[in-house]
C-alpha atoms as a PDB file:
ATOM      1  CA  UNK A   1       5.953  44.477  17.626  1.00  0.00           C
ATOM      2  CA  UNK A   2       4.814  40.684  16.909  1.00  0.00           C
ATOM      3  CA  UNK A   3       2.350  39.512  19.646  1.00  0.00           C
ATOM      4  CA  UNK A   4      -0.309  42.080  21.399  1.00  0.00           C
ATOM      5  CA  UNK A   5      -2.413  40.874  24.389  1.00  0.00           C
ATOM      6  CA  UNK A   6      -5.081  42.764  26.186  1.00  0.00           C
ATOM      7  CA  UNK A   7      -6.147  40.795  29.959  1.00  0.00           C
ATOM      8  CA  UNK A   8      -4.059  38.333  28.662  1.00  0.00           C
ATOM      9  CA  UNK A   9      -5.865  37.383  25.257  1.00  0.00           C
ATOM     10  CA  UNK A  10      -4.470  37.982  22.204  1.00  0.00           C
ATOM     11  CA  UNK A  11      -5.334  41.147  19.966  1.00  0.00           C
ATOM     12  CA  UNK A  12      -2.888  40.804  17.431  1.00  0.00           C
ATOM     13  CA  UNK A  13       0.239  38.654  15.733  1.00  0.00           C
ATOM     14  CA  UNK A  14       2.812  39.761  13.382  1.00  0.00           C
ATOM     15  CA  UNK A  15       3.108  37.637   9.960  1.00  0.00           C
ATOM     16  CA  UNK A  16       5.917  36.333  11.229  1.00  0.00           C
ATOM     17  CA  UNK A  17       5.098  35.324  15.022  1.00  0.00           C
ATOM     18  CA  UNK A  18       2.293  33.137  14.318  1.00  0.00           C
ATOM     19  CA  UNK A  19       2.656  29.986  15.877  1.00  0.00           C
ATOM     20  CA  UNK A  20       0.044  28.262  14.666  1.00  0.00           C
ATOM     21  CA  UNK A  21      -0.965  27.329  18.588  1.00  0.00           C
ATOM     22  CA  UNK A  22      -4.020  26.877  19.744  1.00  0.00           C
ATOM     23  CA  UNK A  23      -3.968  30.815  20.658  1.00  0.00           C
ATOM     24  CA  UNK A  24      -2.938  31.757  18.128  1.00  0.00           C
ATOM     25  CA  UNK A  25      -5.495  29.552  15.018  1.00  0.00           C
ATOM     26  CA  UNK A  26      -8.682  31.124  17.331  1.00  0.00           C
ATOM     27  CA  UNK A  27      -7.424  35.180  16.736  1.00  0.00           C
ATOM     28  CA  UNK A  28      -6.613  34.031  13.386  1.00  0.00           C
ATOM     29  CA  UNK A  29      -9.894  31.984  11.834  1.00  0.00           C
ATOM     30  CA  UNK A  30     -12.275  35.553  13.002  1.00  0.00           C
ATOM     31  CA  UNK A  31      -9.257  36.985  10.079  1.00  0.00           C
ATOM     32  CA  UNK A  32      -9.466  34.040   7.772  1.00  0.00           C
ATOM     33  CA  UNK A  33     -11.881  35.647   4.719  1.00  0.00           C
ATOM     34  CA  UNK A  34     -10.387  39.210   4.861  1.00  0.00           C
ATOM     35  CA  UNK A  35      -6.724  37.506   4.352  1.00  0.00           C
ATOM     36  CA  UNK A  36      -7.617  35.402   1.624  1.00  0.00           C
ATOM     37  CA  UNK A  37      -8.290  38.920   0.215  1.00  0.00           C
ATOM     38  CA  UNK A  38      -4.963  39.874   0.727  1.00  0.00           C
ATOM     39  CA  UNK A  39      -5.598  41.970   3.731  1.00  0.00           C
ATOM     40  CA  UNK A  40      -3.939  41.735   7.581  1.00  0.00           C
ATOM     41  CA  UNK A  41      -5.412  42.667  10.948  1.00  0.00           C
ATOM     42  CA  UNK A  42      -4.160  46.205  11.527  1.00  0.00           C
ATOM     43  CA  UNK A  43      -1.257  46.342  14.248  1.00  0.00           C
ATOM     44  CA  UNK A  44      -2.958  47.944  17.513  1.00  0.00           C
ATOM     45  CA  UNK A  45      -1.689  50.613  19.125  1.00  0.00           C
ATOM     46  CA  UNK A  46      -2.182  49.713  23.050  1.00  0.00           C
ATOM     47  CA  UNK A  47      -1.646  46.539  25.284  1.00  0.00           C
ATOM     48  CA  UNK A  48       1.531  44.704  26.705  1.00  0.00           C
ATOM     49  CA  UNK A  49       3.824  43.972  24.304  1.00  0.00           C
ATOM     50  CA  UNK A  50       6.223  40.424  23.899  1.00  0.00           C
ATOM     51  CA  UNK A  51       9.457  41.240  21.429  1.00  0.00           C
ATOM     52  CA  UNK A  52      10.401  43.501  19.110  1.00  0.00           C
ATOM     53  CA  UNK A  53       9.999  45.211  15.942  1.00  0.00           C
ATOM     54  CA  UNK A  54      12.452  43.412  13.050  1.00  0.00           C
ATOM     55  CA  UNK A  55      13.057  45.776  10.427  1.00  0.00           C
ATOM     56  CA  UNK A  56      11.970  46.497   6.714  1.00  0.00           C
ATOM     57  CA  UNK A  57       9.406  43.866   5.225  1.00  0.00           C
ATOM     58  CA  UNK A  58      11.307  42.306   2.492  1.00  0.00           C
ATOM     59  CA  UNK A  59       7.926  41.449   0.906  1.00  0.00           C
ATOM     60  CA  UNK A  60       4.103  43.006  -0.145  1.00  0.00           C
ATOM     61  CA  UNK A  61       2.075  43.810   2.862  1.00  0.00           C
ATOM     62  CA  UNK A  62      -0.778  41.829   1.223  1.00  0.00           C
ATOM     63  CA  UNK A  63       1.861  38.447   0.844  1.00  0.00           C
ATOM     64  CA  UNK A  64       1.984  37.941   4.212  1.00  0.00           C
ATOM     65  CA  UNK A  65      -1.901  37.929   4.763  1.00  0.00           C
ATOM     66  CA  UNK A  66      -2.458  35.684   1.617  1.00  0.00           C
ATOM     67  CA  UNK A  67       0.449  33.059   3.132  1.00  0.00           C
ATOM     68  CA  UNK A  68      -1.145  32.579   6.146  1.00  0.00           C
ATOM     69  CA  UNK A  69      -4.257  32.212   5.276  1.00  0.00           C
ATOM     70  CA  UNK A  70      -3.439  29.135   2.541  1.00  0.00           C
ATOM     71  CA  UNK A  71      -1.460  27.650   5.275  1.00  0.00           C
ATOM     72  CA  UNK A  72      -4.616  27.250   7.736  1.00  0.00           C
ATOM     73  CA  UNK A  73      -6.383  26.656   4.376  1.00  0.00           C
ATOM     74  CA  UNK A  74      -3.645  24.158   3.891  1.00  0.00           C
ATOM     75  CA  UNK A  75      -4.555  22.561   7.352  1.00  0.00           C
ATOM     76  CA  UNK A  76      -8.555  22.582   7.705  1.00  0.00           C
ATOM     77  CA  UNK A  77      -8.426  21.391   4.384  1.00  0.00           C
ATOM     78  CA  UNK A  78      -7.132  18.061   6.042  1.00  0.00           C
ATOM     79  CA  UNK A  79     -10.122  18.375   8.693  1.00  0.00           C
ATOM     80  CA  UNK A  80     -12.547  16.769   5.864  1.00  0.00           C
ATOM     81  CA  UNK A  81     -16.051  17.778   6.134  1.00  0.00           C
ATOM     82  CA  UNK A  82     -15.649  19.323   9.568  1.00  0.00           C
ATOM     83  CA  UNK A  83     -13.483  22.010   7.599  1.00  0.00           C
ATOM     84  CA  UNK A  84     -17.645  23.846   6.208  1.00  0.00           C
ATOM     85  CA  UNK A  85     -18.457  23.806   9.491  1.00  0.00           C
ATOM     86  CA  UNK A  86     -15.466  26.158  11.170  1.00  0.00           C
ATOM     87  CA  UNK A  87     -15.832  28.487   7.702  1.00  0.00           C
ATOM     88  CA  UNK A  88     -19.688  28.694   8.911  1.00  0.00           C
ATOM     89  CA  UNK A  89     -18.713  29.429  12.702  1.00  0.00           C
ATOM     90  CA  UNK A  90     -15.705  31.569  12.438  1.00  0.00           C
ATOM     91  CA  UNK A  91     -15.244  33.156   8.847  1.00  0.00           C
ATOM     92  CA  UNK A  92     -19.354  33.532   8.444  1.00  0.00           C
ATOM     93  CA  UNK A  93     -20.332  37.726   9.206  1.00  0.00           C
ATOM     94  CA  UNK A  94     -23.051  36.982  11.616  1.00  0.00           C
ATOM     95  CA  UNK A  95     -24.245  40.462  12.316  1.00  0.00           C
ATOM     96  CA  UNK A  96     -23.922  40.721  16.197  1.00  0.00           C
ATOM     97  CA  UNK A  97     -25.247  37.286  16.690  1.00  0.00           C
ATOM     98  CA  UNK A  98     -24.382  35.651  20.304  1.00  0.00           C
ATOM     99  CA  UNK A  99     -22.727  32.239  20.033  1.00  0.00           C
ATOM    100  CA  UNK A 100     -25.057  30.138  21.265  1.00  0.00           C
ATOM    101  CA  UNK A 101     -28.028  31.918  18.279  1.00  0.00           C
ATOM    102  CA  UNK A 102     -25.233  31.256  15.229  1.00  0.00           C
ATOM    103  CA  UNK A 103     -24.462  26.990  17.036  1.00  0.00           C
ATOM    104  CA  UNK A 104     -28.680  27.141  16.268  1.00  0.00           C
ATOM    105  CA  UNK A 105     -28.714  28.471  13.210  1.00  0.00           C
ATOM    106  CA  UNK A 106     -25.822  25.517  11.815  1.00  0.00           C
ATOM    107  CA  UNK A 107     -27.245  23.046  13.808  1.00  0.00           C
ATOM    108  CA  UNK A 108     -30.425  24.226  11.607  1.00  0.00           C
ATOM    109  CA  UNK A 109     -28.616  23.852   8.690  1.00  0.00           C
ATOM    110  CA  UNK A 110     -26.824  20.309   8.933  1.00  0.00           C
ATOM    111  CA  UNK A 111     -29.303  18.827  11.004  1.00  0.00           C
ATOM    112  CA  UNK A 112     -27.154  17.969  13.522  1.00  0.00           C
ATOM    113  CA  UNK A 113     -26.945  18.512  17.339  1.00  0.00           C
ATOM    114  CA  UNK A 114     -25.681  21.234  19.458  1.00  0.00           C
ATOM    115  CA  UNK A 115     -23.110  19.407  21.230  1.00  0.00           C
ATOM    116  CA  UNK A 116     -22.113  17.243  18.216  1.00  0.00           C
ATOM    117  CA  UNK A 117     -21.451  20.634  16.614  1.00  0.00           C
ATOM    118  CA  UNK A 118     -19.145  22.050  19.420  1.00  0.00           C
ATOM    119  CA  UNK A 119     -17.059  18.269  19.389  1.00  0.00           C
ATOM    120  CA  UNK A 120     -16.821  18.819  15.439  1.00  0.00           C
ATOM    121  CA  UNK A 121     -15.894  22.028  16.165  1.00  0.00           C
ATOM    122  CA  UNK A 122     -13.111  21.497  18.667  1.00  0.00           C
ATOM    123  CA  UNK A 123     -11.736  18.281  17.271  1.00  0.00           C
ATOM    124  CA  UNK A 124     -10.921  20.721  13.980  1.00  0.00           C
ATOM    125  CA  UNK A 125      -9.516  23.742  15.336  1.00  0.00           C
ATOM    126  CA  UNK A 126      -7.036  21.495  17.865  1.00  0.00           C
ATOM    127  CA  UNK A 127      -6.092  19.553  15.227  1.00  0.00           C
ATOM    128  CA  UNK A 128      -5.289  21.896  13.176  1.00  0.00           C
ATOM    129  CA  UNK A 129      -3.916  24.173  16.236  1.00  0.00           C
ATOM    130  CA  UNK A 130      -0.446  22.036  16.243  1.00  0.00           C
ATOM    131  CA  UNK A 131       2.293  24.471  16.103  1.00  0.00           C
ATOM    132  CA  UNK A 132       4.477  25.288  13.252  1.00  0.00           C
ATOM    133  CA  UNK A 133       4.951  21.439  13.331  1.00  0.00           C
ATOM    134  CA  UNK A 134       1.672  19.541  11.832  1.00  0.00           C
ATOM    135  CA  UNK A 135      -0.243  16.829  13.329  1.00  0.00           C
ATOM    136  CA  UNK A 136      -0.485  14.346  10.204  1.00  0.00           C
ATOM    137  CA  UNK A 137       3.616  14.306   9.055  1.00  0.00           C
ATOM    138  CA  UNK A 138       5.657  12.111  10.608  1.00  0.00           C
ATOM    139  CA  UNK A 139       8.642  14.313  12.222  1.00  0.00           C
ATOM    140  CA  UNK A 140      11.229  13.260   9.332  1.00  0.00           C
ATOM    141  CA  UNK A 141       8.785  14.128   7.308  1.00  0.00           C
ATOM    142  CA  UNK A 142       9.278  17.748   8.114  1.00  0.00           C
ATOM    143  CA  UNK A 143      10.010  20.360   5.681  1.00  0.00           C
ATOM    144  CA  UNK A 144      11.790  22.062   9.120  1.00  0.00           C
ATOM    145  CA  UNK A 145      13.442  18.547   9.927  1.00  0.00           C
ATOM    146  CA  UNK A 146      17.204  20.326   9.515  1.00  0.00           C
ATOM    147  CA  UNK A 147      16.042  23.067  11.611  1.00  0.00           C
ATOM    148  CA  UNK A 148      14.280  21.774  14.137  1.00  0.00           C
ATOM    149  CA  UNK A 149      15.132  21.390  17.738  1.00  0.00           C
ATOM    150  CA  UNK A 150      12.131  18.497  18.581  1.00  0.00           C
ATOM    151  CA  UNK A 151      13.127  16.216  15.650  1.00  0.00           C
ATOM    152  CA  UNK A 152      14.969  13.497  18.777  1.00  0.00           C
ATOM    153  CA  UNK A 153      11.453  13.333  19.692  1.00  0.00           C
ATOM    154  CA  UNK A 154      10.343  11.149  17.373  1.00  0.00           C
ATOM    155  CA  UNK A 155       6.983  12.551  16.587  1.00  0.00           C
ATOM    156  CA  UNK A 156       4.745  10.201  14.425  1.00  0.00           C
ATOM    157  CA  UNK A 157       2.090  11.839  12.286  1.00  0.00           C
ATOM    158  CA  UNK A 158      -1.803  11.420  13.067  1.00  0.00           C
ATOM    159  CA  UNK A 159      -4.711  11.640  10.638  1.00  0.00           C
ATOM    160  CA  UNK A 160      -7.819  13.893  11.449  1.00  0.00           C
ATOM    161  CA  UNK A 161     -10.163  10.707  11.737  1.00  0.00           C
ATOM    162  CA  UNK A 162      -8.050   9.157  14.214  1.00  0.00           C
ATOM    163  CA  UNK A 163      -7.598  12.180  16.268  1.00  0.00           C
ATOM    164  CA  UNK A 164     -10.945  12.409  16.160  1.00  0.00           C
ATOM    165  CA  UNK A 165     -11.164   8.977  17.647  1.00  0.00           C
ATOM    166  CA  UNK A 166      -9.235  10.391  20.609  1.00  0.00           C
ATOM    167  CA  UNK A 167     -11.403   9.788  23.533  1.00  0.00           C
ATOM    168  CA  UNK A 168      -9.271  12.373  25.526  1.00  0.00           C
ATOM    169  CA  UNK A 169      -8.991  15.742  25.009  1.00  0.00           C
ATOM    170  CA  UNK A 170      -7.077  18.382  25.878  1.00  0.00           C
ATOM    171  CA  UNK A 171      -9.680  21.554  27.084  1.00  0.00           C
ATOM    172  CA  UNK A 172      -6.810  23.906  28.550  1.00  0.00           C
ATOM    173  CA  UNK A 173      -5.114  23.827  25.045  1.00  0.00           C
ATOM    174  CA  UNK A 174      -8.748  24.678  22.845  1.00  0.00           C
ATOM    175  CA  UNK A 175     -10.199  27.622  21.385  1.00  0.00           C
ATOM    176  CA  UNK A 176     -12.438  29.943  23.428  1.00  0.00           C
ATOM    177  CA  UNK A 177     -14.564  30.203  21.096  1.00  0.00           C
ATOM    178  CA  UNK A 178     -16.274  26.600  21.229  1.00  0.00           C
END
């Protein structure tokens, strides 16, 4: 099974089926610490299934988790200091605190307002949730250029600083957490 949904929300995705879009990133950021250790979220037994199982795995069970974590880390590294905020919000174990309480703790620690923290979290997560083609690469510089179906669009790379400067942010593709 490649993707499991429960009431329209993604609850599990196979490592080979990750699209690195907002839905996948929203799910995977909660598991980033464990994936760095080689532990991938367990596959659930129920729910709506999209796709089919594909044969025997060609790598060790922990290798896929580490590769996914490395890709997310590589993407987060592009966000500069906002990486710290994303890791604090998503990856730290907050022991049952609500989202508002977590935001209050982080704002008290960092010294910025809650609205500014939410804006920076949204900007960083939406920047790394660019799909399989990273936002910061020109289309022709992408390693998948030869096999890409979108290469005729002439995608131009954008830095994180430029991304943050955009006034219009599409809310529909942002993760649900912030």
